[in-house]
Amino acid sequence: MPVERYTFTLYSDEPIEFQSYSGFAVRGLFFDLVKRVSKDKAEELHLKKKLAPYSTTPIEVLGSEWKVVYKRMPSGAVKFSITLLDTDLSNIIKDILFTGSVTSLTLKGKECKLTSIEYTQLDAGKLVEEAKAVEKFTVRFRSPTYFRRTPVDVERLFPSVKKIKAPTPDLYRSHPLPDPVLLFRSLLRLWRAFSGAYTKIPANEFKEWVEIGGVALSGYPTSIRTIRVYEHPTTNKWVIGFVGDVHFSLPTDLYSEKYAKVVDALLKFGEYTNVGGGRSAGLGVIKYLDAENRQLGSNPSLR
């Protein structure tokens, strides 16, 4: 199915306080919408261990520019988005929203007026057909982002660790840094699972090219920083992710026009799906800026 995004604009008469990050509240709101039609589907999503077939953005508020809301949402207009990557979910949301009966949504127990819904659709196949061969680009990590690093990943980098047996094969560590290999591995997994156009890119060859250095870090123009966000403070459940602008380049000694176009297509796809861990709760939201459009000004995710 095409990738579908719904962007909601709400109006709140009063400020709303969140535990630490509004993305968790958006995920809760999404589950409430799904439950209205299918409690079974909501339970399936909750228990599913595979890649989430949807992503969200945190709530954003408009000041001089749109800014991510962490703990406190002011009164007035705010927005957030939900991206659907599953036909069943798409049908459920359409059943709810296209009846015209939804005039408000609840955040932290408070009713907010629903003022507009913007619908956009992405054709992944066209991303490949229209891709540009980039030489350098910037990724703006707008919400806390982290990647998962498993024992297998570590063994590839440091073969000597094979002598040390991991306590469990499922062991992983969060990696709150913009590693090009982990970034594009995340995007490839999402593309394979949800694009409907997996055969349109040379995925295995591209992955190997990135791993040998086809994409390189080239700087942090406005710096990056990490943010800890709590999902359930009482149970000490939290994650750490980084935010900020990151420059990347494609070194000339490994440059490939074919793979440079894959970079362009995957990053445009990632603007809808998010990247890394916690995508369903508005983590890993990115803005892709190619060489013609990248901006070196203040980062809208930093508050």
Protein backbone atom coordinates (compact mmCIF):
# COMPACT_ATOMS: atom_id res chain seq x y z
CA MET A 1 0.00 0.00 0.00
CA PRO A 2 1.16 3.62 -0.38
CA VAL A 3 2.58 5.24 2.72
CA GLU A 4 -0.13 7.46 4.19
CA ARG A 5 0.30 10.38 6.58
CA TYR A 6 -2.33 12.24 8.56
CA THR A 7 -1.31 15.57 10.09
CA PHE A 8 -3.67 16.77 12.80
CA THR A 9 -4.01 20.35 13.99
CA LEU A 10 -5.57 20.75 17.44
CA TYR A 11 -6.51 23.73 19.57
CA SER A 12 -6.25 23.58 23.35
CA ASP A 13 -7.79 26.18 25.65
CA GLU A 14 -5.27 25.42 28.39
CA PRO A 15 -1.70 24.13 28.77
CA ILE A 16 -1.15 20.39 29.11
CA GLU A 17 1.64 18.74 31.10
CA PHE A 18 3.19 15.47 29.91
CA GLN A 19 5.43 13.08 31.84
CA SER A 20 8.52 13.98 29.84
CA TYR A 21 7.81 13.73 26.11
CA SER A 22 4.67 14.37 24.07
CA GLY A 23 5.41 11.56 21.61
CA PHE A 24 4.24 8.97 24.13
CA ALA A 25 0.93 10.83 24.45
CA VAL A 26 0.50 10.84 20.65
CA ARG A 27 1.07 7.08 20.57
CA GLY A 28 -1.56 6.68 23.31
CA LEU A 29 -4.00 8.80 21.32
CA PHE A 30 -3.38 6.65 18.23
CA PHE A 31 -4.14 3.47 20.20
CA ASP A 32 -7.35 5.05 21.47
CA LEU A 33 -8.41 5.74 17.87
CA VAL A 34 -7.68 2.15 16.81
CA LYS A 35 -9.57 0.76 19.82
CA ARG A 36 -12.73 2.57 18.71
CA VAL A 37 -12.93 0.19 15.74
CA SER A 38 -10.90 -2.87 16.76
CA LYS A 39 -9.68 -3.68 20.25
CA ASP A 40 -8.09 -6.82 18.81
CA LYS A 41 -5.98 -4.79 16.38
CA ALA A 42 -4.89 -2.45 19.16
CA GLU A 43 -3.87 -5.41 21.31
CA GLU A 44 -2.00 -6.97 18.39
CA LEU A 45 -0.04 -3.76 17.86
CA HIS A 46 0.75 -3.51 21.55
CA LEU A 47 2.12 -7.04 21.76
CA LYS A 48 3.85 -7.13 18.37
CA LYS A 49 7.63 -7.50 18.59
CA LYS A 50 8.33 -6.76 14.94
CA LEU A 51 8.73 -3.39 13.24
CA ALA A 52 5.81 -1.12 14.05
CA PRO A 53 3.62 -0.63 10.94
CA TYR A 54 3.12 3.02 11.84
CA SER A 55 5.08 5.98 13.12
CA THR A 56 4.17 9.23 14.83
CA THR A 57 5.66 12.63 15.43
CA PRO A 58 5.60 14.37 18.78
CA ILE A 59 3.36 17.37 19.30
CA GLU A 60 4.76 20.58 17.87
CA VAL A 61 3.89 24.17 18.68
CA LEU A 62 4.33 27.20 16.44
CA GLY A 63 6.42 30.06 17.75
CA SER A 64 8.91 31.69 15.44
CA GLU A 65 9.10 28.15 13.97
CA TRP A 66 7.58 24.75 14.73
CA LYS A 67 9.16 23.29 17.88
CA VAL A 68 8.90 19.85 19.44
CA VAL A 69 6.98 19.70 22.73
CA TYR A 70 8.62 17.72 25.47
CA LYS A 71 6.92 18.17 28.83
CA ARG A 72 4.65 21.23 28.57
CA MET A 73 2.25 22.01 25.74
CA PRO A 74 1.05 25.63 25.83
CA SER A 75 -2.51 26.62 25.05
CA GLY A 76 -3.30 27.41 21.43
CA ALA A 77 -2.68 25.57 18.14
CA VAL A 78 -0.48 22.47 17.98
CA LYS A 79 0.09 19.73 15.42
CA PHE A 80 1.31 16.14 15.14
CA SER A 81 1.37 13.43 12.45
CA ILE A 82 0.62 9.72 12.20
CA THR A 83 2.07 7.70 9.31
CA LEU A 84 0.42 4.40 8.38
CA LEU A 85 2.29 1.52 6.76
CA ASP A 86 -0.38 -1.16 7.02
CA THR A 87 -3.62 -1.62 5.05
CA ASP A 88 -5.70 -2.72 8.06
CA LEU A 89 -4.61 0.33 10.04
CA SER A 90 -5.34 2.58 7.09
CA ASN A 91 -8.89 1.22 6.82
CA ILE A 92 -9.45 1.65 10.56
CA ILE A 93 -8.32 5.26 10.62
CA LYS A 94 -10.35 6.10 7.51
CA ASP A 95 -13.45 4.53 9.10
CA ILE A 96 -13.03 6.88 12.06
CA LEU A 97 -11.94 10.10 10.43
CA PHE A 98 -13.98 10.13 7.22
CA THR A 99 -17.32 9.87 9.02
CA GLY A 100 -16.96 13.46 10.19
CA SER A 101 -17.96 12.49 13.72
CA VAL A 102 -14.56 13.20 15.28
CA THR A 103 -14.46 16.86 16.33
CA SER A 104 -12.04 16.61 19.24
CA LEU A 105 -9.20 14.43 20.51
CA THR A 106 -8.11 13.74 24.08
CA LEU A 107 -4.62 14.43 25.41
CA LYS A 108 -3.87 13.61 29.05
CA GLY A 109 -7.57 13.55 29.80
CA LYS A 110 -8.24 16.97 28.26
CA GLU A 111 -10.37 17.54 25.18
CA CYS A 112 -8.68 19.46 22.35
CA LYS A 113 -10.65 20.77 19.38
CA LEU A 114 -9.73 19.13 16.07
CA THR A 115 -9.39 22.04 13.64
CA SER A 116 -7.95 20.28 10.56
CA ILE A 117 -6.58 17.04 9.13
CA GLU A 118 -4.10 17.08 6.26
CA TYR A 119 -3.69 13.87 4.24
CA THR A 120 -0.58 13.08 2.20
CA GLN A 121 0.43 9.93 0.34
CA LEU A 122 3.88 8.72 -0.61
CA ASP A 123 4.69 6.40 -3.52
CA ALA A 124 8.02 4.74 -2.66
CA GLY A 125 8.51 3.56 -6.24
CA LYS A 126 8.50 7.17 -7.45
CA LEU A 127 11.14 8.05 -4.86
CA VAL A 128 13.49 5.67 -6.66
CA GLU A 129 12.53 6.84 -10.14
CA GLU A 130 12.99 10.52 -9.23
CA ALA A 131 16.02 10.13 -6.92
CA LYS A 132 18.97 12.51 -7.27
CA ALA A 133 22.60 11.43 -7.02
CA VAL A 134 23.71 13.37 -3.93
CA GLU A 135 27.30 14.07 -2.94
CA LYS A 136 26.65 15.59 0.48
CA PHE A 137 23.61 16.16 2.64
CA THR A 138 22.39 17.03 6.13
CA VAL A 139 20.03 15.09 8.35
CA ARG A 140 18.25 17.13 10.98
CA PHE A 141 17.38 14.77 13.83
CA ARG A 142 14.36 16.66 15.12
CA SER A 143 13.39 14.38 17.98
CA PRO A 144 15.53 12.12 20.21
CA THR A 145 17.07 9.37 18.08
CA TYR A 146 18.91 6.19 18.97
CA PHE A 147 19.87 3.02 17.16
CA ARG A 148 20.19 -0.54 18.45
CA ARG A 149 23.58 -2.21 18.38
CA THR A 150 23.61 -6.00 18.84
CA PRO A 151 26.50 -8.39 19.64
CA VAL A 152 26.66 -9.20 15.91
CA ASP A 153 27.25 -5.52 15.14
CA VAL A 154 30.03 -5.36 17.71
CA GLU A 155 31.69 -8.52 16.34
CA ARG A 156 31.85 -6.97 12.88
CA LEU A 157 33.74 -4.00 14.28
CA PHE A 158 35.81 -5.85 16.85
CA PRO A 159 36.36 -9.53 15.89
CA SER A 160 38.16 -10.27 19.15
CA VAL A 161 34.89 -10.06 21.11
CA LYS A 162 33.92 -13.43 19.65
CA LYS A 163 35.88 -14.84 22.57
CA ILE A 164 33.32 -13.34 24.94
CA LYS A 165 29.91 -14.97 24.95
CA ALA A 166 26.98 -12.56 25.19
CA PRO A 167 24.61 -13.32 28.13
CA THR A 168 21.71 -13.57 25.69
CA PRO A 169 21.47 -13.50 21.89
CA ASP A 170 18.82 -10.78 22.20
CA LEU A 171 21.18 -8.44 24.03
CA TYR A 172 21.52 -4.99 22.50
CA ARG A 173 22.72 -1.56 23.49
CA SER A 174 21.17 1.77 22.56
CA HIS A 175 23.55 3.83 20.47
CA PRO A 176 22.68 7.57 20.62
CA LEU A 177 25.04 8.66 17.85
CA PRO A 178 24.50 9.31 14.10
CA ASP A 179 26.38 6.27 12.81
CA PRO A 180 25.86 6.09 9.00
CA VAL A 181 25.82 2.28 9.00
CA LEU A 182 23.14 2.07 11.70
CA LEU A 183 21.13 4.88 10.11
CA PHE A 184 20.94 3.24 6.70
CA ARG A 185 20.48 -0.24 8.12
CA SER A 186 17.40 1.09 9.91
CA LEU A 187 16.11 2.67 6.70
CA LEU A 188 16.71 -0.51 4.70
CA ARG A 189 14.73 -2.60 7.20
CA LEU A 190 11.82 -0.20 6.95
CA TRP A 191 12.05 -0.08 3.16
CA ARG A 192 12.10 -3.89 2.98
CA ALA A 193 9.08 -4.21 5.28
CA PHE A 194 6.84 -1.39 4.16
CA SER A 195 7.84 0.33 0.90
CA GLY A 196 6.29 -2.17 -1.49
CA ALA A 197 9.25 -1.36 -3.73
CA TYR A 198 12.03 -3.42 -2.18
CA THR A 199 13.24 -4.86 -5.49
CA LYS A 200 13.68 -1.37 -6.95
CA ILE A 201 16.95 -0.82 -5.06
CA PRO A 202 20.07 -3.06 -4.81
CA ALA A 203 19.66 -3.42 -1.05
CA ASN A 204 22.41 -5.92 -0.22
CA GLU A 205 24.98 -4.23 -2.43
CA PHE A 206 24.04 -0.83 -1.02
CA LYS A 207 24.36 -2.08 2.57
CA GLU A 208 27.86 -3.41 1.88
CA TRP A 209 28.85 -0.11 0.24
CA VAL A 210 27.73 1.86 3.31
CA GLU A 211 29.58 -0.54 5.62
CA ILE A 212 32.91 -0.05 3.83
CA GLY A 213 32.59 3.73 4.08
CA GLY A 214 30.38 4.85 1.20
CA VAL A 215 28.69 7.40 3.49
CA ALA A 216 30.81 9.35 5.97
CA LEU A 217 30.14 11.77 8.81
CA SER A 218 31.47 15.22 7.97
CA GLY A 219 30.46 17.43 10.88
CA TYR A 220 27.99 18.87 13.35
CA PRO A 221 27.44 22.50 12.29
CA THR A 222 25.32 23.47 15.30
CA SER A 223 26.40 20.56 17.53
CA ILE A 224 24.27 17.67 18.72
CA ARG A 225 23.16 16.77 22.21
CA THR A 226 21.41 13.92 23.97
CA ILE A 227 18.05 14.05 25.73
CA ARG A 228 16.67 11.51 28.18
CA VAL A 229 12.92 10.95 27.86
CA TYR A 230 10.85 8.95 30.33
CA GLU A 231 7.91 6.84 29.24
CA HIS A 232 6.97 5.74 32.77
CA PRO A 233 8.99 7.61 35.41
CA THR A 234 7.57 5.47 38.23
CA THR A 235 9.07 2.33 36.67
CA ASN A 236 12.24 4.14 35.58
CA LYS A 237 11.56 3.33 31.93
CA TRP A 238 13.48 5.75 29.74
CA VAL A 239 15.58 6.14 26.59
CA ILE A 240 18.34 8.52 25.57
CA GLY A 241 18.46 9.93 22.07
CA PHE A 242 20.40 12.63 20.24
CA VAL A 243 19.07 15.67 18.39
CA GLY A 244 20.74 18.16 16.07
CA ASP A 245 21.99 18.75 12.54
CA VAL A 246 24.50 16.27 11.15
CA HIS A 247 26.44 16.65 7.91
CA PHE A 248 27.26 13.59 5.79
CA SER A 249 29.26 13.20 2.60
CA LEU A 250 29.91 10.50 0.01
CA PRO A 251 33.72 10.14 -0.29
CA THR A 252 34.98 10.44 -3.86
CA ASP A 253 37.08 7.26 -3.71
CA LEU A 254 33.95 5.14 -3.16
CA TYR A 255 31.43 7.34 -4.92
CA SER A 256 28.70 5.57 -6.88
CA GLU A 257 25.92 7.44 -8.66
CA LYS A 258 23.67 4.39 -8.34
CA TYR A 259 24.09 4.20 -4.56
CA ALA A 260 23.95 7.99 -4.20
CA LYS A 261 20.42 7.84 -5.62
CA VAL A 262 19.50 5.13 -3.11
CA VAL A 263 20.69 7.44 -0.31
CA ASP A 264 18.33 10.14 -1.60
CA ALA A 265 15.33 7.79 -1.87
CA LEU A 266 15.83 6.17 1.54
CA LEU A 267 16.16 9.47 3.39
CA LYS A 268 13.01 10.86 1.79
CA PHE A 269 11.25 7.65 2.86
CA GLY A 270 12.65 8.10 6.37
CA GLU A 271 11.00 11.50 6.69
CA TYR A 272 7.71 9.56 6.84
CA THR A 273 8.75 6.45 8.78
CA ASN A 274 11.23 7.96 11.29
CA VAL A 275 14.45 6.08 12.01
CA GLY A 276 15.94 4.00 14.82
CA GLY A 277 14.13 2.91 17.97
CA GLY A 278 10.86 4.24 19.36
CA ARG A 279 9.41 5.32 16.01
CA SER A 280 5.88 4.61 17.21
CA ALA A 281 6.28 7.20 19.98
CA GLY A 282 7.67 10.02 17.88
CA LEU A 283 11.35 9.24 18.33
CA GLY A 284 13.73 9.39 15.37
CA VAL A 285 11.88 12.13 13.44
CA ILE A 286 14.18 13.45 10.71
CA LYS A 287 14.35 16.21 8.12
CA TYR A 288 16.51 15.45 5.09
CA LEU A 289 18.30 18.40 3.50
CA ASP A 290 20.32 17.86 0.34
CA ALA A 291 23.20 20.13 -0.61
CA GLU A 292 20.88 22.65 -2.27
CA ASN A 293 18.53 22.97 0.67
CA ARG A 294 20.46 22.29 3.84
CA GLN A 295 20.27 25.02 6.41
CA LEU A 296 22.82 25.83 9.06
CA GLY A 297 20.54 27.88 11.30
CA SER A 298 19.12 26.98 14.70
CA ASN A 299 17.71 23.51 15.12
CA PRO A 300 13.94 23.50 15.71
CA SER A 301 14.14 20.42 17.95
CA LEU A 302 16.37 22.10 20.52
CA ARG A 303 14.41 23.77 23.31
